[in-house]
Amino acid sequence: MTPIVLAKSALLTVPLWLFVSSLFRFKPSVVKHLVSIVIGFAVALLAVLFIPGGVLSYVTSFVLMASIYAVLSLGLNVQWGYTGLFNIGIAAFFAMGAFTSALVTTVKPTGFNAAFTQQVFGLGAPFWVGVMAAGFTAGVLAWLIGKPTLRLRDDYLAIATIGIAELVRLVFQNERWLANGPQPLRGIPQPLSCLSGDGCSWLPGFVNDFFAVLQPRDYPFVYVAIVAFVLYLVFRVLERAIRSPWGRVLRAVREEETSAAMNGKDVAAFRMQSFVVGAVIMGIGGALYAHYMVSIDYGHFDPLYGTFLIWVMLMLGGSGNNRGAILGAFVVWGIWSGTSFIVDLMRPTLAAISPDLPSRGPYFRFFLIAVLMLFIVLYRPKGILEEEKVVSLDRDAE
């Protein structure tokens, strides 16, 4: 067994361990996690040994991106799934989180480089500081948006949020002094990239020695462990919160806000809390996205990728169900990724029909997503996993 096999297996064990532990519902928790780690390492080892390297790298990148979108889907689930807030401005908080983390963790260019890259500031802070700053700024933006809009009816709230999302995107597009405008903001640092490079000076020597065999191209194996940990943390916090009295009030506001108000609940305050919490999670998702892409610009946050794709994920997985939100993200991202191969296979047929059709092949992906959304609305409105009826904290939330 080679060192590279052990290194990759150890990194892939993290998402597999967290996934398996979320399926088990027995106590004590220590035993559950120990069993999950053993199963996760065994599966990771078999995957590294028997799956071709190129395929394994593709699957790892797929899981990584699906996990980032799962974080965004969980944020929407707080707003729509549990409170009924019709937010079609997800891209605003997605972009705010991504650009904030990028600005906080990069260093402002000076000298010759300043002529090509402009940004309002660059703090050079660590990754986790950037993630927290991303969540904070997205939450502040949600509070500013929520003050005038959350008292609107659902349809007007939708119109307001999508308009604000476009406003945020256009500000980042046109104000070059802010985050390099229409040009990409490059050089966003990748956390723990030193593991697949020359080693991390702040880590013990044996850890650096263990991962020294990794190459820069193996970085997705490192980052998928980080993203999986963040996704698991967000999931567990939401599971606890939604089973608390706070979560029950959110569902009461969603079902009948007049009755909730008659029982002494401040409906406006709880709607604002839900809107801000969901936006914070979306901002965290944006930060994870930025540090994986390394280079971002306004085009990454158009309504299709930054809003409607996430809505399809939540609707398919199951609105009001955190596990469903995660499942929907993986299924829809799989469909979205798979359609690119379908389009490539269709190119000869399309060329035979008309020479212009192959260039329009990518629109077939949009068509499939639209058909999928229509199918969900007509035949599976509650999603794959329906909402769980939970009235209090229980052992499953431990």
Protein backbone atom coordinates (compact mmCIF):
# COMPACT_ATOMS: atom_id res chain seq x y z
CA MET A 1 0.00 0.00 0.00
CA THR A 2 1.66 3.20 -1.18
CA PRO A 3 1.81 6.48 0.79
CA ILE A 4 -0.31 8.29 -1.82
CA VAL A 5 -3.08 5.72 -1.37
CA LEU A 6 -3.06 6.21 2.41
CA ALA A 7 -3.00 10.01 2.10
CA LYS A 8 -5.95 10.16 -0.27
CA SER A 9 -7.85 7.55 1.75
CA ALA A 10 -7.36 9.57 4.94
CA LEU A 11 -8.74 12.72 3.30
CA LEU A 12 -11.72 10.94 1.73
CA THR A 13 -12.49 9.34 5.09
CA VAL A 14 -13.67 12.71 6.43
CA PRO A 15 -16.72 13.19 4.15
CA LEU A 16 -17.53 9.47 4.28
CA TRP A 17 -17.31 9.43 8.09
CA LEU A 18 -19.63 12.44 8.39
CA PHE A 19 -22.06 10.96 5.88
CA VAL A 20 -22.24 7.56 7.59
CA SER A 21 -22.56 9.09 11.06
CA SER A 22 -25.54 11.15 9.86
CA LEU A 23 -27.27 7.91 8.83
CA PHE A 24 -26.75 6.09 12.13
CA ARG A 25 -29.16 6.86 14.94
CA PHE A 26 -27.85 4.97 17.92
CA LYS A 27 -26.07 5.92 21.10
CA PRO A 28 -23.54 6.49 22.55
CA SER A 29 -22.31 9.07 20.07
CA VAL A 30 -18.66 8.08 20.60
CA VAL A 31 -19.36 4.54 19.42
CA LYS A 32 -21.40 5.82 16.49
CA HIS A 33 -18.56 8.03 15.29
CA LEU A 34 -15.90 5.37 15.81
CA VAL A 35 -17.91 2.89 13.73
CA SER A 36 -18.50 5.59 11.10
CA ILE A 37 -14.76 6.36 10.88
CA VAL A 38 -13.91 2.69 10.38
CA ILE A 39 -16.56 2.27 7.67
CA GLY A 40 -15.55 5.55 6.03
CA PHE A 41 -11.87 4.63 5.89
CA ALA A 42 -12.65 1.17 4.50
CA VAL A 43 -14.82 2.62 1.73
CA ALA A 44 -12.27 5.36 0.97
CA LEU A 45 -9.45 2.82 0.77
CA LEU A 46 -11.39 0.61 -1.62
CA ALA A 47 -12.27 3.64 -3.76
CA VAL A 48 -8.65 4.80 -4.03
CA LEU A 49 -7.41 1.28 -4.79
CA PHE A 50 -9.95 0.24 -7.40
CA ILE A 51 -11.30 3.42 -9.04
CA PRO A 52 -9.06 4.83 -11.80
CA GLY A 53 -7.26 8.01 -10.77
CA GLY A 54 -8.97 10.28 -13.31
CA VAL A 55 -12.43 9.00 -12.41
CA LEU A 56 -11.74 9.34 -8.69
CA SER A 57 -10.57 12.94 -9.14
CA TYR A 58 -13.72 13.76 -11.12
CA VAL A 59 -15.97 12.17 -8.48
CA THR A 60 -14.15 14.06 -5.73
CA SER A 61 -14.62 17.37 -7.56
CA PHE A 62 -18.27 16.50 -8.13
CA VAL A 63 -18.85 15.81 -4.42
CA LEU A 64 -17.03 19.03 -3.57
CA MET A 65 -19.22 21.24 -5.76
CA ALA A 66 -22.40 19.40 -4.76
CA SER A 67 -21.51 19.93 -1.10
CA ILE A 68 -21.05 23.67 -1.64
CA TYR A 69 -24.46 23.86 -3.31
CA ALA A 70 -25.88 21.75 -0.46
CA VAL A 71 -24.82 24.51 1.97
CA LEU A 72 -26.67 27.06 -0.18
CA SER A 73 -29.70 24.76 -0.34
CA LEU A 74 -29.75 24.49 3.47
CA GLY A 75 -29.78 28.28 3.69
CA LEU A 76 -32.78 28.45 1.37
CA ASN A 77 -34.48 25.70 3.37
CA VAL A 78 -34.40 27.89 6.48
CA GLN A 79 -36.07 30.73 4.60
CA TRP A 80 -38.57 28.91 2.40
CA GLY A 81 -38.80 25.38 3.80
CA TYR A 82 -39.39 26.38 7.41
CA THR A 83 -40.68 29.96 7.25
CA GLY A 84 -42.24 30.32 3.79
CA LEU A 85 -40.16 33.32 2.69
CA PHE A 86 -40.15 33.38 -1.11
CA ASN A 87 -36.57 34.54 -1.68
CA ILE A 88 -35.49 34.63 -5.33
CA GLY A 89 -32.43 36.70 -4.54
CA ILE A 90 -30.12 33.91 -3.37
CA ALA A 91 -27.43 35.11 -5.77
CA ALA A 92 -27.06 38.35 -3.78
CA PHE A 93 -25.99 36.55 -0.60
CA PHE A 94 -24.00 33.98 -2.58
CA ALA A 95 -22.03 36.76 -4.27
CA MET A 96 -21.67 38.83 -1.11
CA GLY A 97 -20.17 35.89 0.76
CA ALA A 98 -17.82 34.99 -2.08
CA PHE A 99 -16.47 38.51 -2.66
CA THR A 100 -16.23 39.31 1.05
CA SER A 101 -14.16 36.23 1.82
CA ALA A 102 -12.00 36.92 -1.23
CA LEU A 103 -11.32 40.50 -0.13
CA VAL A 104 -10.65 39.53 3.48
CA THR A 105 -8.21 36.72 2.69
CA THR A 106 -6.29 38.20 -0.24
CA VAL A 107 -3.63 40.89 -0.04
CA LYS A 108 -4.28 44.16 -1.84
CA PRO A 109 -1.95 44.35 -4.84
CA THR A 110 0.64 47.07 -4.98
CA GLY A 111 3.01 48.47 -7.57
CA PHE A 112 2.78 47.05 -11.08
CA ASN A 113 0.05 44.51 -10.17
CA ALA A 114 -2.24 47.26 -8.88
CA ALA A 115 -2.77 48.41 -12.47
CA PHE A 116 -4.43 45.10 -13.34
CA THR A 117 -6.24 44.16 -10.13
CA GLN A 118 -8.19 46.71 -8.10
CA GLN A 119 -9.95 45.96 -4.82
CA VAL A 120 -11.19 48.14 -2.01
CA PHE A 121 -9.07 46.36 0.59
CA GLY A 122 -7.12 43.16 1.18
CA LEU A 123 -6.49 41.97 4.73
CA GLY A 124 -4.64 38.73 4.06
CA ALA A 125 -6.59 37.07 6.88
CA PRO A 126 -6.88 33.29 7.40
CA PHE A 127 -9.53 31.23 5.65
CA TRP A 128 -11.82 30.83 8.66
CA VAL A 129 -11.82 34.59 9.23
CA GLY A 130 -12.91 35.03 5.62
CA VAL A 131 -15.73 32.50 6.06
CA MET A 132 -17.00 34.22 9.21
CA ALA A 133 -16.78 37.62 7.54
CA ALA A 134 -18.71 36.25 4.56
CA GLY A 135 -21.52 35.02 6.78
CA PHE A 136 -21.58 38.31 8.71
CA THR A 137 -21.78 40.58 5.65
CA ALA A 138 -24.43 38.38 4.03
CA GLY A 139 -26.42 38.57 7.26
CA VAL A 140 -26.11 42.36 7.37
CA LEU A 141 -27.23 42.58 3.74
CA ALA A 142 -30.23 40.36 4.57
CA TRP A 143 -31.15 42.63 7.49
CA LEU A 144 -30.97 45.71 5.27
CA ILE A 145 -33.07 44.01 2.60
CA GLY A 146 -35.50 42.50 5.10
CA LYS A 147 -36.39 45.75 6.83
CA PRO A 148 -38.40 47.16 3.90
CA THR A 149 -39.38 43.90 2.15
CA LEU A 150 -40.34 41.20 4.66
CA ARG A 151 -43.72 42.76 5.30
CA LEU A 152 -44.60 42.34 1.62
CA ARG A 153 -46.72 39.51 0.30
CA ASP A 154 -44.91 36.50 -1.18
CA ASP A 155 -45.11 37.61 -4.81
CA TYR A 156 -43.89 41.14 -4.04
CA LEU A 157 -41.12 39.75 -1.83
CA ALA A 158 -39.98 37.59 -4.74
CA ILE A 159 -39.91 40.58 -7.09
CA ALA A 160 -38.00 42.68 -4.56
CA THR A 161 -35.36 40.03 -3.78
CA ILE A 162 -34.60 39.15 -7.40
CA GLY A 163 -34.26 42.84 -8.20
CA ILE A 164 -31.85 43.36 -5.31
CA ALA A 165 -29.85 40.30 -6.36
CA GLU A 166 -29.37 41.77 -9.82
CA LEU A 167 -28.44 45.11 -8.26
CA VAL A 168 -25.72 43.45 -6.16
CA ARG A 169 -24.39 41.58 -9.18
CA LEU A 170 -24.28 44.71 -11.33
CA VAL A 171 -22.50 46.67 -8.61
CA PHE A 172 -19.73 44.08 -8.53
CA GLN A 173 -19.68 44.12 -12.33
CA ASN A 174 -19.36 47.87 -12.83
CA GLU A 175 -17.51 49.17 -9.76
CA ARG A 176 -13.97 48.09 -10.52
CA TRP A 177 -12.54 49.77 -7.41
CA LEU A 178 -14.62 47.40 -5.28
CA ALA A 179 -13.57 43.93 -6.48
CA ASN A 180 -11.96 44.42 -9.90
CA GLY A 181 -15.27 44.97 -11.68
CA PRO A 182 -15.76 43.00 -14.91
CA GLN A 183 -12.30 41.46 -14.59
CA PRO A 184 -11.84 38.36 -12.39
CA LEU A 185 -10.64 38.81 -8.83
CA ARG A 186 -7.73 36.38 -8.80
CA GLY A 187 -5.36 34.85 -6.30
CA ILE A 188 -7.92 33.78 -3.70
CA PRO A 189 -5.99 31.53 -1.29
CA GLN A 190 -6.93 27.89 -0.85
CA PRO A 191 -6.93 26.65 2.76
CA LEU A 192 -4.45 23.87 3.57
CA SER A 193 -3.07 24.01 0.02
CA CYS A 194 0.31 23.66 1.70
CA LEU A 195 -0.55 20.00 2.35
CA SER A 196 -0.36 19.34 -1.38
CA GLY A 197 2.68 21.60 -1.75
CA ASP A 198 5.71 22.09 0.46
CA GLY A 199 3.97 21.34 3.75
CA CYS A 200 2.41 23.60 6.38
CA SER A 201 4.88 25.18 8.79
CA TRP A 202 2.32 25.31 11.61
CA LEU A 203 1.50 21.58 11.43
CA PRO A 204 3.47 18.85 13.22
CA GLY A 205 6.22 17.30 11.14
CA PHE A 206 4.65 13.84 11.01
CA VAL A 207 1.47 15.32 9.46
CA ASN A 208 3.47 17.07 6.74
CA ASP A 209 5.46 13.88 6.15
CA PHE A 210 2.25 11.85 5.81
CA PHE A 211 0.76 14.18 3.16
CA ALA A 212 4.08 15.06 1.46
CA VAL A 213 3.27 12.68 -1.40
CA LEU A 214 0.31 14.83 -2.51
CA GLN A 215 0.72 16.98 -5.62
CA PRO A 216 -1.00 20.35 -6.30
CA ARG A 217 -3.43 18.53 -8.61
CA ASP A 218 -4.58 16.50 -5.58
CA TYR A 219 -5.87 19.59 -3.76
CA PRO A 220 -9.58 18.70 -4.29
CA PHE A 221 -9.03 15.76 -1.94
CA VAL A 222 -7.96 18.23 0.75
CA TYR A 223 -10.72 20.77 0.14
CA VAL A 224 -13.53 18.22 -0.02
CA ALA A 225 -12.71 17.30 3.60
CA ILE A 226 -12.98 20.98 4.63
CA VAL A 227 -16.25 21.55 2.76
CA ALA A 228 -17.74 18.31 4.11
CA PHE A 229 -16.92 19.40 7.66
CA VAL A 230 -18.58 22.81 7.15
CA LEU A 231 -21.64 21.18 5.56
CA TYR A 232 -21.96 18.73 8.44
CA LEU A 233 -21.61 21.53 11.00
CA VAL A 234 -24.30 23.63 9.32
CA PHE A 235 -26.58 20.60 9.04
CA ARG A 236 -26.22 19.68 12.71
CA VAL A 237 -26.76 23.24 13.93
CA LEU A 238 -29.92 23.54 11.83
CA GLU A 239 -31.21 20.16 13.01
CA ARG A 240 -30.86 21.32 16.62
CA ALA A 241 -32.36 24.73 15.88
CA ILE A 242 -35.36 23.47 13.97
CA ARG A 243 -36.26 21.06 16.80
CA SER A 244 -36.14 23.88 19.33
CA PRO A 245 -38.99 26.25 20.23
CA TRP A 246 -37.51 28.72 17.73
CA GLY A 247 -37.93 26.20 14.93
CA ARG A 248 -41.51 25.44 15.93
CA VAL A 249 -42.35 29.15 15.79
CA LEU A 250 -40.91 29.35 12.27
CA ARG A 251 -43.19 26.54 11.13
CA ALA A 252 -46.15 28.21 12.86
CA VAL A 253 -45.40 31.44 10.99
CA ARG A 254 -45.20 29.49 7.74
CA GLU A 255 -48.50 27.67 8.27
CA GLU A 256 -50.59 30.48 9.76
CA GLU A 257 -48.87 33.66 10.82
CA THR A 258 -52.10 35.21 12.10
CA SER A 259 -52.52 32.40 14.63
CA ALA A 260 -48.87 32.72 15.62
CA ALA A 261 -49.35 36.44 16.24
CA MET A 262 -52.49 35.75 18.29
CA ASN A 263 -50.37 33.49 20.52
CA GLY A 264 -48.02 36.35 21.32
CA LYS A 265 -45.27 35.67 18.79
CA ASP A 266 -43.56 38.59 17.08
CA VAL A 267 -44.07 37.38 13.52
CA ALA A 268 -42.01 40.14 11.91
CA ALA A 269 -39.05 39.43 14.21
CA PHE A 270 -39.09 35.70 13.51
CA ARG A 271 -39.37 36.26 9.77
CA MET A 272 -36.35 38.57 9.97
CA GLN A 273 -34.39 36.03 12.03
CA SER A 274 -35.09 33.28 9.51
CA PHE A 275 -34.16 35.52 6.59
CA VAL A 276 -30.87 36.56 8.21
CA VAL A 277 -29.91 33.03 9.32
CA GLY A 278 -30.57 31.66 5.84
CA ALA A 279 -28.52 34.48 4.30
CA VAL A 280 -25.60 33.82 6.68
CA ILE A 281 -25.52 30.20 5.54
CA MET A 282 -25.64 31.29 1.90
CA GLY A 283 -22.75 33.68 2.55
CA ILE A 284 -20.73 30.80 4.00
CA GLY A 285 -21.52 28.78 0.89
CA GLY A 286 -20.28 31.68 -1.24
CA ALA A 287 -17.01 31.78 0.69
CA LEU A 288 -16.48 28.03 0.16
CA TYR A 289 -17.14 28.52 -3.55
CA ALA A 290 -14.68 31.41 -3.89
CA HIS A 291 -11.80 29.58 -2.23
CA TYR A 292 -12.30 26.59 -4.48
CA MET A 293 -12.54 28.59 -7.71
CA VAL A 294 -9.51 30.81 -6.82
CA SER A 295 -10.75 33.38 -9.35
CA ILE A 296 -14.29 34.84 -9.35
CA ASP A 297 -16.22 37.53 -11.16
CA TYR A 298 -19.82 38.73 -11.42
CA GLY A 299 -20.64 36.13 -14.09
CA HIS A 300 -20.50 33.33 -11.52
CA PHE A 301 -23.60 34.68 -9.79
CA ASP A 302 -26.19 35.10 -12.52
CA PRO A 303 -29.80 34.10 -11.67
CA LEU A 304 -29.53 30.64 -13.24
CA TYR A 305 -26.48 29.40 -11.30
CA GLY A 306 -26.93 31.55 -8.22
CA THR A 307 -30.67 31.26 -7.62
CA PHE A 308 -32.86 29.00 -9.74
CA LEU A 309 -30.56 25.98 -9.72
CA ILE A 310 -30.62 26.09 -5.92
CA TRP A 311 -34.41 26.33 -5.91
CA VAL A 312 -34.63 23.19 -8.05
CA MET A 313 -32.30 21.41 -5.63
CA LEU A 314 -34.48 22.22 -2.64
CA MET A 315 -37.75 21.43 -4.42
CA LEU A 316 -36.50 18.07 -5.64
CA GLY A 317 -34.87 17.04 -2.38
CA GLY A 318 -37.75 18.08 -0.15
CA SER A 319 -38.66 21.51 1.18
CA GLY A 320 -38.65 21.60 4.98
CA ASN A 321 -36.25 18.65 5.25
CA ASN A 322 -32.54 19.32 5.77
CA ARG A 323 -31.54 15.88 4.56
CA GLY A 324 -33.71 16.44 1.51
CA ALA A 325 -32.02 19.76 0.80
CA ILE A 326 -28.63 18.02 0.75
CA LEU A 327 -29.90 15.09 -1.32
CA GLY A 328 -31.48 17.44 -3.84
CA ALA A 329 -28.21 19.33 -4.25
CA PHE A 330 -26.35 16.13 -5.11
CA VAL A 331 -29.03 14.83 -7.49
CA VAL A 332 -29.51 18.10 -9.39
CA TRP A 333 -25.77 18.77 -9.60
CA GLY A 334 -25.40 15.25 -10.96
CA ILE A 335 -28.02 15.98 -13.61
CA TRP A 336 -26.45 19.34 -14.41
CA SER A 337 -22.99 17.80 -14.74
CA GLY A 338 -24.25 14.79 -16.67
CA THR A 339 -26.03 16.89 -19.26
CA SER A 340 -22.69 18.29 -20.43
CA PHE A 341 -21.75 14.77 -21.56
CA ILE A 342 -25.14 14.36 -23.23
CA VAL A 343 -24.64 17.61 -25.14
CA ASP A 344 -21.22 16.41 -26.35
CA LEU A 345 -22.73 13.13 -27.55
CA MET A 346 -25.50 14.98 -29.39
CA ARG A 347 -23.20 17.30 -31.33
CA PRO A 348 -22.81 15.03 -34.43
CA THR A 349 -26.59 14.55 -34.62
CA LEU A 350 -27.23 18.26 -34.19
CA ALA A 351 -24.64 19.07 -36.87
CA ALA A 352 -26.40 16.71 -39.28
CA ILE A 353 -29.65 18.59 -38.76
CA SER A 354 -28.15 22.07 -39.01
CA PRO A 355 -24.58 23.42 -38.84
CA ASP A 356 -25.70 26.05 -36.32
CA LEU A 357 -27.23 23.64 -33.80
CA PRO A 358 -24.03 22.35 -32.12
CA SER A 359 -23.22 25.86 -30.90
CA ARG A 360 -26.64 25.95 -29.25
CA GLY A 361 -26.19 22.60 -27.53
CA PRO A 362 -25.56 24.08 -24.05
CA TYR A 363 -29.11 25.40 -24.01
CA PHE A 364 -30.24 21.79 -23.85
CA ARG A 365 -29.01 21.77 -20.24
CA PHE A 366 -31.33 24.66 -19.41
CA PHE A 367 -34.18 22.83 -21.06
CA LEU A 368 -33.59 19.71 -18.96
CA ILE A 369 -33.53 21.72 -15.73
CA ALA A 370 -36.79 23.43 -16.75
CA VAL A 371 -38.40 20.05 -17.49
CA LEU A 372 -37.17 18.73 -14.14
CA MET A 373 -38.70 21.68 -12.29
CA LEU A 374 -42.00 21.14 -14.12
CA PHE A 375 -41.95 17.45 -13.23
CA ILE A 376 -41.35 18.24 -9.55
CA VAL A 377 -44.21 20.73 -9.38
CA LEU A 378 -46.66 18.37 -11.09
CA TYR A 379 -45.73 14.95 -9.74
CA ARG A 380 -43.55 15.36 -6.65
CA PRO A 381 -44.39 18.70 -5.03
CA LYS A 382 -43.17 17.52 -1.61
CA GLY A 383 -39.82 16.33 -2.98
CA ILE A 384 -37.97 13.05 -2.57
CA LEU A 385 -37.88 13.33 1.22
CA GLU A 386 -40.98 14.89 2.69
CA GLU A 387 -40.84 17.19 5.68
CA GLU A 388 -40.34 15.45 9.00
CA LYS A 389 -42.95 16.20 11.62
CA VAL A 390 -40.80 16.97 14.65
CA VAL A 391 -42.19 18.80 17.67
CA SER A 392 -39.26 18.78 20.09
CA LEU A 393 -35.63 17.89 20.57
CA ASP A 394 -35.01 14.15 20.54
CA ARG A 395 -32.15 11.75 20.54
CA ASP A 396 -31.87 11.91 16.73
CA ALA A 397 -30.60 15.46 17.02
CA GLU A 398 -27.66 14.48 19.21
